[in-house]
Amino acid sequence: MAASIVQTSQNVTLVGAGQASKADLDIALAFAPYLIAADGGAEMVLNYGNTPKKVIGDFDSINRGVLAKIPPADQHHVSEQDSTDFEKCLTGVIAPLILGVGFLGARLDHQLSGLNVLVRHIGSPCILIGEQDLIFHLNTEISLQLEIGTRVSLFPMATVHCQSKGLEWPVDQLEMAPSGAISISNGAAETTIWLRPAGPGLLVVLPKACLPAVIRALKLS
């Protein structure tokens, strides 16, 4: 796999072939104007009236008629089958931030695969946007400005401890693990919450309306 397909100083919107509304795509593009499609995600992009700057994937799920609408120079075929199209894109794109649309919803196995890729921290920071929520991998400390009462869910994909301030139920003494303790439906007890995981593997789930706050926090972290 090529080490780098795209290098840009702009934030990137990456579109998968799952479920996503045009409103979600427009939200992502407002923060991340460089538009890339992961394989079959190109069809959604075109149907919503946009044209991707690049299409990346193994091209096993893209309609040939759709592919014909993309200039050959913007098609990046990655043939190996040991990674998903999402992973191919994260590996091949270098950008300050990637907003993923169309990777949550629809098939559960695809969602789980995407979360697996997220926690392996491949490439640039990435936030996945779903119908109601957003999710990102937290492997460094972060300070988030949220409204009091905002739902904050922490889900471990590995055994991990996390220091916290400002949560309704502090998690400092909690050993979280996929088959053990988790912290979903926690909440912001203060307008600033602070989290510092001891290692990789912690996913943070917030309402989609928190996207601007997360982007601000990631740029400051």
N, C-alpha and C. Protein backbone atom coordinates (compact mmCIF):
# COMPACT_ATOMS: atom_id res chain seq x y z
N MET A 1 0.84 -1.19 0.00
CA MET A 1 0.00 0.00 0.00
C MET A 1 0.88 1.25 0.00
N ALA A 2 0.49 2.24 -0.81
CA ALA A 2 1.25 3.48 -0.87
C ALA A 2 1.23 4.16 0.48
N ALA A 3 2.38 4.70 0.86
CA ALA A 3 2.48 5.37 2.16
C ALA A 3 1.62 6.62 2.19
N SER A 4 1.53 7.31 1.06
CA SER A 4 0.75 8.54 1.03
C SER A 4 0.15 8.73 -0.36
N ILE A 5 -1.16 8.93 -0.40
CA ILE A 5 -1.86 9.22 -1.65
C ILE A 5 -2.21 10.70 -1.71
N VAL A 6 -2.63 11.24 -0.58
CA VAL A 6 -3.02 12.64 -0.49
C VAL A 6 -2.31 13.28 0.69
N GLN A 7 -1.70 14.42 0.45
CA GLN A 7 -1.17 15.26 1.52
C GLN A 7 -1.76 16.65 1.34
N THR A 8 -2.45 17.14 2.36
CA THR A 8 -3.12 18.42 2.25
C THR A 8 -3.10 19.14 3.59
N SER A 9 -3.07 20.46 3.52
CA SER A 9 -3.16 21.27 4.74
C SER A 9 -4.61 21.52 5.13
N GLN A 10 -5.55 21.10 4.28
CA GLN A 10 -6.98 21.24 4.58
C GLN A 10 -7.48 20.03 5.37
N ASN A 11 -8.51 20.25 6.17
CA ASN A 11 -9.21 19.12 6.77
C ASN A 11 -9.94 18.34 5.68
N VAL A 12 -10.05 17.04 5.87
CA VAL A 12 -10.61 16.14 4.85
C VAL A 12 -11.94 15.58 5.31
N THR A 13 -12.93 15.61 4.42
CA THR A 13 -14.16 14.84 4.60
C THR A 13 -14.02 13.55 3.82
N LEU A 14 -14.15 12.43 4.52
CA LEU A 14 -14.02 11.11 3.91
C LEU A 14 -15.38 10.42 3.95
N VAL A 15 -15.87 9.99 2.80
CA VAL A 15 -17.22 9.44 2.70
C VAL A 15 -17.17 7.94 2.39
N GLY A 16 -17.81 7.15 3.26
CA GLY A 16 -17.92 5.72 3.04
C GLY A 16 -19.24 5.36 2.39
N ALA A 17 -19.44 4.07 2.19
CA ALA A 17 -20.62 3.60 1.47
C ALA A 17 -21.77 3.23 2.38
N GLY A 18 -21.69 3.59 3.66
CA GLY A 18 -22.77 3.29 4.59
C GLY A 18 -23.87 4.33 4.53
N GLN A 19 -24.58 4.50 5.64
CA GLN A 19 -25.69 5.44 5.69
C GLN A 19 -25.21 6.83 6.08
N ALA A 20 -25.70 7.83 5.37
CA ALA A 20 -25.40 9.23 5.71
C ALA A 20 -26.37 10.12 4.97
N SER A 21 -26.78 11.19 5.59
CA SER A 21 -27.67 12.15 4.94
C SER A 21 -26.84 13.24 4.27
N LYS A 22 -27.49 13.95 3.35
CA LYS A 22 -26.82 15.09 2.73
C LYS A 22 -26.50 16.15 3.78
N ALA A 23 -27.37 16.26 4.79
CA ALA A 23 -27.12 17.24 5.86
C ALA A 23 -25.83 16.91 6.59
N ASP A 24 -25.59 15.62 6.85
CA ASP A 24 -24.35 15.23 7.53
C ASP A 24 -23.14 15.51 6.66
N LEU A 25 -23.27 15.25 5.37
CA LEU A 25 -22.16 15.55 4.46
C LEU A 25 -21.89 17.05 4.44
N ASP A 26 -22.94 17.85 4.41
CA ASP A 26 -22.75 19.30 4.39
C ASP A 26 -22.11 19.79 5.69
N ILE A 27 -22.50 19.18 6.82
CA ILE A 27 -21.89 19.56 8.10
C ILE A 27 -20.39 19.29 8.06
N ALA A 28 -20.03 18.10 7.58
CA ALA A 28 -18.61 17.74 7.51
C ALA A 28 -17.85 18.67 6.58
N LEU A 29 -18.42 18.96 5.42
CA LEU A 29 -17.73 19.81 4.44
C LEU A 29 -17.53 21.23 4.94
N ALA A 30 -18.40 21.69 5.83
CA ALA A 30 -18.24 23.03 6.39
C ALA A 30 -16.96 23.14 7.21
N PHE A 31 -16.53 22.04 7.81
CA PHE A 31 -15.30 22.02 8.60
C PHE A 31 -14.13 21.41 7.83
N ALA A 32 -14.43 20.59 6.83
CA ALA A 32 -13.39 19.83 6.14
C ALA A 32 -13.70 19.81 4.64
N PRO A 33 -13.24 20.82 3.91
CA PRO A 33 -13.67 20.98 2.51
C PRO A 33 -13.03 20.05 1.50
N TYR A 34 -11.94 19.38 1.85
CA TYR A 34 -11.27 18.49 0.90
C TYR A 34 -12.00 17.15 0.91
N LEU A 35 -12.71 16.84 -0.17
CA LEU A 35 -13.64 15.71 -0.21
C LEU A 35 -13.01 14.49 -0.88
N ILE A 36 -13.00 13.37 -0.13
CA ILE A 36 -12.48 12.10 -0.63
C ILE A 36 -13.55 11.03 -0.42
N ALA A 37 -13.69 10.14 -1.40
CA ALA A 37 -14.61 9.01 -1.27
C ALA A 37 -13.83 7.73 -1.07
N ALA A 38 -14.32 6.91 -0.15
CA ALA A 38 -13.75 5.58 0.03
C ALA A 38 -14.57 4.60 -0.81
N ASP A 39 -13.99 4.17 -1.91
CA ASP A 39 -14.62 3.18 -2.78
C ASP A 39 -16.07 3.54 -3.10
N GLY A 40 -17.03 2.70 -2.69
CA GLY A 40 -18.43 2.90 -3.04
C GLY A 40 -19.04 4.17 -2.48
N GLY A 41 -18.37 4.85 -1.58
CA GLY A 41 -18.85 6.13 -1.09
C GLY A 41 -18.94 7.19 -2.18
N ALA A 42 -18.24 6.95 -3.29
CA ALA A 42 -18.29 7.90 -4.40
C ALA A 42 -19.70 8.06 -4.95
N GLU A 43 -20.47 6.98 -4.93
CA GLU A 43 -21.84 7.06 -5.44
C GLU A 43 -22.69 8.01 -4.61
N MET A 44 -22.56 7.92 -3.28
CA MET A 44 -23.30 8.83 -2.41
C MET A 44 -22.88 10.27 -2.66
N VAL A 45 -21.57 10.49 -2.78
CA VAL A 45 -21.07 11.84 -3.01
C VAL A 45 -21.68 12.43 -4.28
N LEU A 46 -21.67 11.67 -5.36
CA LEU A 46 -22.22 12.15 -6.63
C LEU A 46 -23.72 12.35 -6.55
N ASN A 47 -24.42 11.44 -5.87
CA ASN A 47 -25.87 11.57 -5.74
C ASN A 47 -26.27 12.82 -4.97
N TYR A 48 -25.40 13.27 -4.07
CA TYR A 48 -25.69 14.47 -3.29
C TYR A 48 -25.17 15.74 -3.99
N GLY A 49 -24.72 15.60 -5.23
CA GLY A 49 -24.35 16.77 -6.01
C GLY A 49 -22.93 17.26 -5.81
N ASN A 50 -22.08 16.42 -5.25
CA ASN A 50 -20.68 16.79 -5.05
C ASN A 50 -19.79 15.88 -5.89
N THR A 51 -18.56 16.31 -6.09
CA THR A 51 -17.58 15.50 -6.81
C THR A 51 -16.35 15.33 -5.94
N PRO A 52 -15.95 14.09 -5.65
CA PRO A 52 -14.77 13.89 -4.80
C PRO A 52 -13.49 14.27 -5.53
N LYS A 53 -12.55 14.80 -4.78
CA LYS A 53 -11.25 15.10 -5.36
C LYS A 53 -10.46 13.82 -5.63
N LYS A 54 -10.71 12.81 -4.78
CA LYS A 54 -10.04 11.52 -4.94
C LYS A 54 -11.02 10.41 -4.55
N VAL A 55 -10.85 9.25 -5.18
CA VAL A 55 -11.54 8.04 -4.77
C VAL A 55 -10.46 7.00 -4.49
N ILE A 56 -10.52 6.42 -3.28
CA ILE A 56 -9.49 5.48 -2.83
C ILE A 56 -10.16 4.18 -2.41
N GLY A 57 -9.61 3.05 -2.83
CA GLY A 57 -10.13 1.77 -2.39
C GLY A 57 -9.73 0.63 -3.31
N ASP A 58 -10.26 -0.56 -3.02
CA ASP A 58 -9.96 -1.70 -3.89
C ASP A 58 -10.95 -1.80 -5.04
N PHE A 59 -11.96 -0.92 -5.05
CA PHE A 59 -12.94 -0.78 -6.13
C PHE A 59 -13.78 -2.04 -6.32
N ASP A 60 -14.01 -2.78 -5.25
CA ASP A 60 -14.85 -3.97 -5.36
C ASP A 60 -16.31 -3.67 -5.05
N SER A 61 -16.60 -2.44 -4.59
CA SER A 61 -17.99 -2.10 -4.26
C SER A 61 -18.46 -0.84 -4.97
N ILE A 62 -17.71 -0.38 -5.93
CA ILE A 62 -18.10 0.83 -6.65
C ILE A 62 -18.67 0.46 -8.02
N ASN A 63 -19.78 1.07 -8.34
CA ASN A 63 -20.40 0.86 -9.63
C ASN A 63 -19.50 1.39 -10.74
N ARG A 64 -19.34 0.61 -11.80
CA ARG A 64 -18.44 1.04 -12.89
C ARG A 64 -18.92 2.32 -13.55
N GLY A 65 -20.24 2.49 -13.61
CA GLY A 65 -20.76 3.74 -14.17
C GLY A 65 -20.40 4.93 -13.32
N VAL A 66 -20.39 4.74 -12.00
CA VAL A 66 -19.98 5.81 -11.10
C VAL A 66 -18.50 6.09 -11.28
N LEU A 67 -17.70 5.04 -11.34
CA LEU A 67 -16.26 5.21 -11.49
C LEU A 67 -15.92 5.94 -12.78
N ALA A 68 -16.72 5.74 -13.81
CA ALA A 68 -16.46 6.39 -15.09
C ALA A 68 -16.64 7.90 -15.02
N LYS A 69 -17.35 8.37 -13.98
CA LYS A 69 -17.56 9.82 -13.81
C LYS A 69 -16.40 10.49 -13.09
N ILE A 70 -15.46 9.69 -12.61
CA ILE A 70 -14.31 10.22 -11.88
C ILE A 70 -13.10 10.24 -12.80
N PRO A 71 -12.41 11.37 -12.95
CA PRO A 71 -11.22 11.40 -13.81
C PRO A 71 -10.22 10.32 -13.39
N PRO A 72 -9.62 9.61 -14.35
CA PRO A 72 -8.68 8.54 -14.01
C PRO A 72 -7.57 8.98 -13.06
N ALA A 73 -7.12 10.22 -13.19
CA ALA A 73 -6.04 10.71 -12.32
C ALA A 73 -6.48 10.81 -10.86
N ASP A 74 -7.80 10.84 -10.63
CA ASP A 74 -8.32 10.96 -9.27
C ASP A 74 -8.76 9.61 -8.70
N GLN A 75 -8.55 8.55 -9.46
CA GLN A 75 -8.87 7.20 -9.00
C GLN A 75 -7.59 6.55 -8.46
N HIS A 76 -7.66 6.08 -7.22
CA HIS A 76 -6.48 5.46 -6.61
C HIS A 76 -6.85 4.04 -6.17
N HIS A 77 -6.53 3.10 -7.02
CA HIS A 77 -6.87 1.70 -6.78
C HIS A 77 -5.80 1.06 -5.90
N VAL A 78 -6.23 0.56 -4.75
CA VAL A 78 -5.32 -0.14 -3.82
C VAL A 78 -5.82 -1.58 -3.76
N SER A 79 -5.10 -2.48 -4.37
CA SER A 79 -5.62 -3.82 -4.63
C SER A 79 -5.54 -4.77 -3.44
N GLU A 80 -4.65 -4.53 -2.50
CA GLU A 80 -4.46 -5.52 -1.42
C GLU A 80 -5.76 -5.69 -0.63
N GLN A 81 -5.96 -6.90 -0.11
CA GLN A 81 -7.21 -7.26 0.55
C GLN A 81 -7.05 -7.50 2.06
N ASP A 82 -5.93 -7.07 2.62
CA ASP A 82 -5.69 -7.27 4.05
C ASP A 82 -6.21 -6.11 4.90
N SER A 83 -6.78 -5.09 4.27
CA SER A 83 -7.31 -3.95 5.00
C SER A 83 -8.61 -3.51 4.37
N THR A 84 -9.43 -2.80 5.14
CA THR A 84 -10.68 -2.27 4.62
C THR A 84 -10.40 -0.99 3.82
N ASP A 85 -11.42 -0.54 3.09
CA ASP A 85 -11.26 0.71 2.35
C ASP A 85 -11.06 1.89 3.30
N PHE A 86 -11.71 1.85 4.46
CA PHE A 86 -11.51 2.90 5.45
C PHE A 86 -10.06 2.94 5.90
N GLU A 87 -9.48 1.79 6.17
CA GLU A 87 -8.08 1.74 6.58
C GLU A 87 -7.16 2.19 5.45
N LYS A 88 -7.47 1.79 4.23
CA LYS A 88 -6.67 2.23 3.08
C LYS A 88 -6.64 3.75 3.00
N CYS A 89 -7.80 4.36 3.24
CA CYS A 89 -7.88 5.82 3.16
C CYS A 89 -7.11 6.49 4.30
N LEU A 90 -7.29 6.00 5.52
CA LEU A 90 -6.57 6.61 6.65
C LEU A 90 -5.07 6.45 6.48
N THR A 91 -4.66 5.33 5.91
CA THR A 91 -3.22 5.12 5.67
C THR A 91 -2.70 6.05 4.59
N GLY A 92 -3.53 6.31 3.59
CA GLY A 92 -3.06 7.05 2.42
C GLY A 92 -3.29 8.54 2.46
N VAL A 93 -3.95 9.05 3.50
CA VAL A 93 -4.29 10.48 3.56
C VAL A 93 -3.60 11.13 4.75
N ILE A 94 -2.85 12.18 4.48
CA ILE A 94 -2.22 12.98 5.52
C ILE A 94 -2.89 14.34 5.54
N ALA A 95 -3.56 14.66 6.64
CA ALA A 95 -4.30 15.91 6.77
C ALA A 95 -4.36 16.28 8.24
N PRO A 96 -4.66 17.54 8.57
CA PRO A 96 -4.77 17.91 9.99
C PRO A 96 -5.86 17.13 10.71
N LEU A 97 -6.97 16.86 10.01
CA LEU A 97 -8.12 16.19 10.61
C LEU A 97 -8.95 15.54 9.51
N ILE A 98 -9.51 14.37 9.81
CA ILE A 98 -10.41 13.69 8.88
C ILE A 98 -11.77 13.52 9.55
N LEU A 99 -12.82 13.95 8.85
CA LEU A 99 -14.19 13.73 9.31
C LEU A 99 -14.80 12.63 8.45
N GLY A 100 -15.19 11.53 9.07
CA GLY A 100 -15.72 10.40 8.34
C GLY A 100 -17.24 10.38 8.37
N VAL A 101 -17.83 10.32 7.18
CA VAL A 101 -19.29 10.25 7.01
C VAL A 101 -19.60 8.97 6.23
N GLY A 102 -20.63 8.26 6.65
CA GLY A 102 -21.00 7.04 5.94
C GLY A 102 -20.26 5.80 6.44
N PHE A 103 -19.73 5.87 7.65
CA PHE A 103 -19.05 4.72 8.25
C PHE A 103 -19.81 4.19 9.47
N LEU A 104 -20.83 4.92 9.92
CA LEU A 104 -21.68 4.49 11.02
C LEU A 104 -23.09 4.28 10.47
N GLY A 105 -23.84 3.36 11.06
CA GLY A 105 -25.14 3.00 10.53
C GLY A 105 -25.00 1.86 9.54
N ALA A 106 -26.13 1.37 9.05
CA ALA A 106 -26.16 0.23 8.11
C ALA A 106 -25.55 -1.00 8.77
N ARG A 107 -24.58 -1.65 8.14
CA ARG A 107 -24.08 -2.94 8.62
C ARG A 107 -23.25 -2.80 9.91
N LEU A 108 -23.61 -3.62 10.90
CA LEU A 108 -22.93 -3.58 12.18
C LEU A 108 -21.48 -4.03 12.06
N ASP A 109 -21.21 -5.04 11.22
CA ASP A 109 -19.83 -5.51 11.10
C ASP A 109 -18.93 -4.44 10.51
N HIS A 110 -19.48 -3.63 9.60
CA HIS A 110 -18.69 -2.52 9.04
C HIS A 110 -18.41 -1.47 10.11
N GLN A 111 -19.39 -1.21 10.97
CA GLN A 111 -19.17 -0.24 12.05
C GLN A 111 -18.08 -0.72 13.00
N LEU A 112 -18.16 -1.99 13.39
CA LEU A 112 -17.15 -2.54 14.30
C LEU A 112 -15.77 -2.50 13.66
N SER A 113 -15.71 -2.80 12.38
CA SER A 113 -14.43 -2.74 11.67
C SER A 113 -13.87 -1.33 11.70
N GLY A 114 -14.75 -0.34 11.50
CA GLY A 114 -14.29 1.05 11.53
C GLY A 114 -13.76 1.45 12.88
N LEU A 115 -14.41 1.00 13.95
CA LEU A 115 -13.94 1.32 15.30
C LEU A 115 -12.61 0.65 15.58
N ASN A 116 -12.43 -0.55 15.06
CA ASN A 116 -11.15 -1.25 15.19
C ASN A 116 -10.04 -0.44 14.55
N VAL A 117 -10.31 0.12 13.38
CA VAL A 117 -9.31 0.94 12.68
C VAL A 117 -9.03 2.22 13.48
N LEU A 118 -10.09 2.83 14.02
CA LEU A 118 -9.91 4.06 14.79
C LEU A 118 -8.93 3.88 15.95
N VAL A 119 -9.12 2.80 16.72
CA VAL A 119 -8.30 2.66 17.93
C VAL A 119 -6.88 2.21 17.61
N ARG A 120 -6.64 1.75 16.40
CA ARG A 120 -5.26 1.45 16.02
C ARG A 120 -4.52 2.72 15.60
N HIS A 121 -5.23 3.85 15.60
CA HIS A 121 -4.63 5.17 15.40
C HIS A 121 -3.80 5.21 14.12
N ILE A 122 -4.46 4.89 13.04
CA ILE A 122 -3.80 4.90 11.73
C ILE A 122 -3.91 6.30 11.14
N GLY A 123 -2.77 6.95 10.92
CA GLY A 123 -2.76 8.22 10.22
C GLY A 123 -3.29 9.39 11.02
N SER A 124 -3.98 10.30 10.33
CA SER A 124 -4.42 11.56 10.90
C SER A 124 -5.56 11.36 11.90
N PRO A 125 -5.76 12.33 12.82
CA PRO A 125 -6.90 12.26 13.73
C PRO A 125 -8.20 12.15 12.94
N CYS A 126 -9.13 11.34 13.41
CA CYS A 126 -10.36 11.09 12.66
C CYS A 126 -11.55 11.09 13.60
N ILE A 127 -12.62 11.76 13.18
CA ILE A 127 -13.89 11.77 13.90
C ILE A 127 -14.94 11.18 12.96
N LEU A 128 -15.65 10.16 13.42
CA LEU A 128 -16.74 9.59 12.62
C LEU A 128 -18.06 10.23 13.04
N ILE A 129 -18.86 10.60 12.05
CA ILE A 129 -20.13 11.28 12.28
C ILE A 129 -21.27 10.34 11.89
N GLY A 130 -22.20 10.11 12.83
CA GLY A 130 -23.35 9.27 12.57
C GLY A 130 -24.64 10.06 12.60
N GLU A 131 -25.76 9.34 12.59
CA GLU A 131 -27.07 9.99 12.54
C GLU A 131 -27.32 10.85 13.77
N GLN A 132 -26.93 10.35 14.95
CA GLN A 132 -27.14 11.08 16.19
C GLN A 132 -25.85 11.50 16.88
N ASP A 133 -24.82 10.70 16.71
CA ASP A 133 -23.61 10.87 17.51
C ASP A 133 -22.36 11.01 16.65
N LEU A 134 -21.29 11.38 17.33
CA LEU A 134 -19.96 11.32 16.74
C LEU A 134 -19.09 10.48 17.66
N ILE A 135 -18.01 9.95 17.10
CA ILE A 135 -17.13 9.10 17.89
C ILE A 135 -15.69 9.29 17.43
N PHE A 136 -14.77 9.30 18.40
CA PHE A 136 -13.36 9.43 18.06
C PHE A 136 -12.52 8.68 19.08
N HIS A 137 -11.31 8.36 18.68
CA HIS A 137 -10.37 7.66 19.56
C HIS A 137 -9.59 8.70 20.36
N LEU A 138 -9.55 8.54 21.66
CA LEU A 138 -8.82 9.45 22.52
C LEU A 138 -7.58 8.76 23.06
N ASN A 139 -6.40 9.21 22.61
CA ASN A 139 -5.16 8.62 23.12
C ASN A 139 -4.23 9.67 23.71
N THR A 140 -4.78 10.86 23.97
CA THR A 140 -4.04 11.92 24.63
C THR A 140 -5.02 12.74 25.45
N GLU A 141 -4.55 13.61 26.30
CA GLU A 141 -5.49 14.38 27.12
C GLU A 141 -6.25 15.39 26.26
N ILE A 142 -7.45 15.71 26.70
CA ILE A 142 -8.28 16.63 25.95
C ILE A 142 -9.13 17.43 26.94
N SER A 143 -9.39 18.68 26.60
CA SER A 143 -10.26 19.54 27.39
C SER A 143 -11.41 20.00 26.49
N LEU A 144 -12.63 19.63 26.84
CA LEU A 144 -13.79 19.91 26.00
C LEU A 144 -14.73 20.90 26.68
N GLN A 145 -15.18 21.88 25.90
CA GLN A 145 -16.16 22.84 26.39
C GLN A 145 -17.54 22.34 25.97
N LEU A 146 -18.35 21.94 26.95
CA LEU A 146 -19.67 21.36 26.69
C LEU A 146 -20.73 22.00 27.57
N GLU A 147 -21.97 21.92 27.15
CA GLU A 147 -23.07 22.35 28.01
C GLU A 147 -23.24 21.34 29.14
N ILE A 148 -23.54 21.84 30.31
CA ILE A 148 -23.79 20.95 31.44
C ILE A 148 -24.95 20.01 31.10
N GLY A 149 -24.77 18.75 31.39
CA GLY A 149 -25.78 17.74 31.08
C GLY A 149 -25.56 17.03 29.77
N THR A 150 -24.57 17.47 28.97
CA THR A 150 -24.28 16.80 27.70
C THR A 150 -23.88 15.36 27.96
N ARG A 151 -24.45 14.46 27.19
CA ARG A 151 -24.09 13.04 27.34
C ARG A 151 -22.66 12.81 26.88
N VAL A 152 -21.89 12.13 27.71
CA VAL A 152 -20.50 11.77 27.41
C VAL A 152 -20.34 10.28 27.68
N SER A 153 -20.12 9.51 26.64
CA SER A 153 -19.94 8.07 26.80
C SER A 153 -18.51 7.69 26.48
N LEU A 154 -17.94 6.85 27.31
CA LEU A 154 -16.58 6.36 27.13
C LEU A 154 -16.65 4.85 26.96
N PHE A 155 -16.15 4.37 25.82
CA PHE A 155 -16.18 2.93 25.59
C PHE A 155 -14.77 2.43 25.29
N PRO A 156 -14.27 1.47 26.09
CA PRO A 156 -12.92 0.96 25.89
C PRO A 156 -12.88 -0.15 24.84
N MET A 157 -11.90 -0.08 23.96
CA MET A 157 -11.64 -1.17 23.02
C MET A 157 -10.40 -1.95 23.46
N ALA A 158 -9.84 -1.56 24.60
CA ALA A 158 -8.73 -2.26 25.25
C ALA A 158 -8.84 -1.94 26.74
N THR A 159 -8.08 -2.63 27.56
CA THR A 159 -8.05 -2.30 28.98
C THR A 159 -7.36 -0.95 29.16
N VAL A 160 -8.04 -0.01 29.79
CA VAL A 160 -7.49 1.34 29.88
C VAL A 160 -8.04 2.04 31.12
N HIS A 161 -7.19 2.87 31.72
CA HIS A 161 -7.60 3.78 32.79
C HIS A 161 -7.64 5.19 32.22
N CYS A 162 -8.47 6.05 32.82
CA CYS A 162 -8.57 7.43 32.34
C CYS A 162 -8.81 8.37 33.51
N GLN A 163 -7.99 9.40 33.62
CA GLN A 163 -8.24 10.46 34.59
C GLN A 163 -9.30 11.40 34.03
N SER A 164 -10.10 11.97 34.91
CA SER A 164 -11.18 12.83 34.43
C SER A 164 -11.48 13.94 35.42
N LYS A 165 -11.99 15.03 34.88
CA LYS A 165 -12.53 16.13 35.67
C LYS A 165 -13.78 16.64 34.96
N GLY A 166 -14.78 16.98 35.74
CA GLY A 166 -15.98 17.58 35.18
C GLY A 166 -17.07 16.61 34.76
N LEU A 167 -16.86 15.30 34.96
CA LEU A 167 -17.89 14.32 34.63
C LEU A 167 -18.86 14.13 35.80
N GLU A 168 -20.09 13.76 35.52
CA GLU A 168 -21.05 13.45 36.57
C GLU A 168 -20.56 12.28 37.41
N TRP A 169 -19.99 11.28 36.76
CA TRP A 169 -19.45 10.12 37.46
C TRP A 169 -17.99 9.95 37.07
N PRO A 170 -17.06 10.42 37.90
CA PRO A 170 -15.63 10.33 37.58
C PRO A 170 -15.22 8.88 37.31
N VAL A 171 -14.26 8.73 36.43
CA VAL A 171 -13.82 7.39 36.04
C VAL A 171 -12.39 7.10 36.48
N ASP A 172 -11.82 7.97 37.30
CA ASP A 172 -10.41 7.85 37.68
C ASP A 172 -10.05 6.50 38.28
N GLN A 173 -10.94 5.93 39.05
CA GLN A 173 -10.64 4.68 39.74
C GLN A 173 -11.17 3.47 38.97
N LEU A 174 -11.63 3.69 37.76
CA LEU A 174 -12.28 2.63 36.99
C LEU A 174 -11.31 2.02 36.00
N GLU A 175 -11.15 0.70 36.06
CA GLU A 175 -10.41 0.01 35.01
C GLU A 175 -11.43 -0.40 33.96
N MET A 176 -11.38 0.26 32.80
CA MET A 176 -12.34 -0.03 31.74
C MET A 176 -11.77 -1.07 30.79
N ALA A 177 -12.67 -1.91 30.27
CA ALA A 177 -12.26 -2.97 29.35
C ALA A 177 -13.47 -3.40 28.54
N PRO A 178 -13.27 -3.92 27.31
CA PRO A 178 -14.40 -4.33 26.47
C PRO A 178 -15.30 -5.35 27.15
N SER A 179 -14.70 -6.25 27.94
CA SER A 179 -15.50 -7.28 28.61
C SER A 179 -15.65 -6.97 30.10
N GLY A 180 -15.37 -5.72 30.48
CA GLY A 180 -15.47 -5.32 31.88
C GLY A 180 -16.25 -4.03 32.02
N ALA A 181 -15.75 -3.14 32.86
CA ALA A 181 -16.45 -1.88 33.14
C ALA A 181 -16.35 -0.93 31.95
N ILE A 182 -17.44 -0.22 31.71
CA ILE A 182 -17.47 0.83 30.69
C ILE A 182 -18.14 2.05 31.32
N SER A 183 -18.19 3.15 30.58
CA SER A 183 -18.82 4.36 31.13
C SER A 183 -19.66 5.02 30.05
N ILE A 184 -20.79 4.39 29.73
CA ILE A 184 -21.70 5.00 28.77
C ILE A 184 -22.75 5.81 29.51
N SER A 185 -23.35 6.77 28.82
CA SER A 185 -24.38 7.65 29.38
C SER A 185 -23.89 8.38 30.61
N ASN A 186 -22.58 8.68 30.65
CA ASN A 186 -22.06 9.61 31.64
C ASN A 186 -22.47 11.01 31.17
N GLY A 187 -22.01 12.04 31.83
CA GLY A 187 -22.43 13.36 31.42
C GLY A 187 -21.50 14.44 31.93
N ALA A 188 -21.66 15.62 31.35
CA ALA A 188 -20.86 16.78 31.76
C ALA A 188 -21.51 17.44 32.97
N ALA A 189 -20.80 17.45 34.09
CA ALA A 189 -21.28 18.11 35.30
C ALA A 189 -20.81 19.55 35.36
N GLU A 190 -19.83 19.89 34.52
CA GLU A 190 -19.29 21.24 34.44
C GLU A 190 -19.19 21.63 32.96
N THR A 191 -18.93 22.89 32.69
CA THR A 191 -18.85 23.33 31.29
C THR A 191 -17.54 22.93 30.63
N THR A 192 -16.57 22.53 31.43
CA THR A 192 -15.31 22.00 30.89
C THR A 192 -15.09 20.61 31.45
N ILE A 193 -14.91 19.65 30.56
CA ILE A 193 -14.52 18.32 31.02
C ILE A 193 -13.12 18.03 30.51
N TRP A 194 -12.36 17.35 31.32
CA TRP A 194 -10.97 17.02 31.01
C TRP A 194 -10.78 15.52 31.13
N LEU A 195 -10.15 14.94 30.12
CA LEU A 195 -9.91 13.50 30.09
C LEU A 195 -8.46 13.24 29.73
N ARG A 196 -7.83 12.29 30.41
CA ARG A 196 -6.48 11.88 30.05
C ARG A 196 -6.35 10.36 30.21
N PRO A 197 -6.43 9.63 29.11
CA PRO A 197 -6.29 8.18 29.19
C PRO A 197 -4.84 7.79 29.42
N ALA A 198 -4.64 6.65 30.08
CA ALA A 198 -3.29 6.18 30.36
C ALA A 198 -2.66 5.52 29.16
N GLY A 199 -3.46 5.21 28.16
CA GLY A 199 -2.94 4.56 26.95
C GLY A 199 -4.00 4.56 25.87
N PRO A 200 -3.72 3.92 24.75
CA PRO A 200 -4.68 3.90 23.65
C PRO A 200 -5.84 2.96 23.91
N GLY A 201 -6.89 3.11 23.11
CA GLY A 201 -8.00 2.17 23.15
C GLY A 201 -9.32 2.73 23.62
N LEU A 202 -9.38 4.03 23.99
CA LEU A 202 -10.62 4.60 24.54
C LEU A 202 -11.36 5.40 23.47
N LEU A 203 -12.62 5.03 23.24
CA LEU A 203 -13.48 5.75 22.32
C LEU A 203 -14.37 6.71 23.09
N VAL A 204 -14.54 7.92 22.56
CA VAL A 204 -15.42 8.92 23.16
C VAL A 204 -16.61 9.13 22.23
N VAL A 205 -17.81 9.02 22.78
CA VAL A 205 -19.04 9.20 22.00
C VAL A 205 -19.79 10.40 22.57
N LEU A 206 -20.11 11.33 21.69
CA LEU A 206 -20.82 12.56 22.07
C LEU A 206 -21.95 12.82 21.08
N PRO A 207 -22.94 13.63 21.46
CA PRO A 207 -23.95 14.04 20.49
C PRO A 207 -23.29 14.76 19.30
N LYS A 208 -23.89 14.59 18.14
CA LYS A 208 -23.32 15.17 16.92
C LYS A 208 -23.17 16.68 17.01
N ALA A 209 -24.04 17.33 17.77
CA ALA A 209 -23.96 18.79 17.91
C ALA A 209 -22.67 19.25 18.57
N CYS A 210 -21.93 18.33 19.18
CA CYS A 210 -20.66 18.69 19.84
C CYS A 210 -19.49 18.74 18.87
N LEU A 211 -19.72 18.52 17.60
CA LEU A 211 -18.61 18.48 16.64
C LEU A 211 -17.73 19.72 16.69
N PRO A 212 -18.28 20.95 16.68
CA PRO A 212 -17.39 22.12 16.75
C PRO A 212 -16.51 22.12 18.00
N ALA A 213 -17.06 21.71 19.14
CA ALA A 213 -16.28 21.68 20.38
C ALA A 213 -15.17 20.65 20.30
N VAL A 214 -15.44 19.50 19.69
CA VAL A 214 -14.41 18.46 19.57
C VAL A 214 -13.31 18.92 18.64
N ILE A 215 -13.68 19.54 17.54
CA ILE A 215 -12.66 20.02 16.60
C ILE A 215 -11.77 21.06 17.26
N ARG A 216 -12.38 21.98 18.00
CA ARG A 216 -11.60 22.99 18.71
C ARG A 216 -10.64 22.33 19.70
N ALA A 217 -11.14 21.35 20.43
CA ALA A 217 -10.33 20.69 21.44
C ALA A 217 -9.19 19.91 20.82
N LEU A 218 -9.42 19.24 19.73
CA LEU A 218 -8.38 18.48 19.08
C LEU A 218 -7.29 19.37 18.52
N LYS A 219 -7.65 20.54 18.06
CA LYS A 219 -6.65 21.47 17.54
C LYS A 219 -5.79 22.04 18.66
N LEU A 220 -6.35 22.09 19.89
CA LEU A 220 -5.61 22.63 21.02
C LEU A 220 -4.82 21.56 21.74
N SER A 221 -5.16 20.29 21.54
CA SER A 221 -4.53 19.22 22.30
C SER A 221 -3.15 18.89 21.76
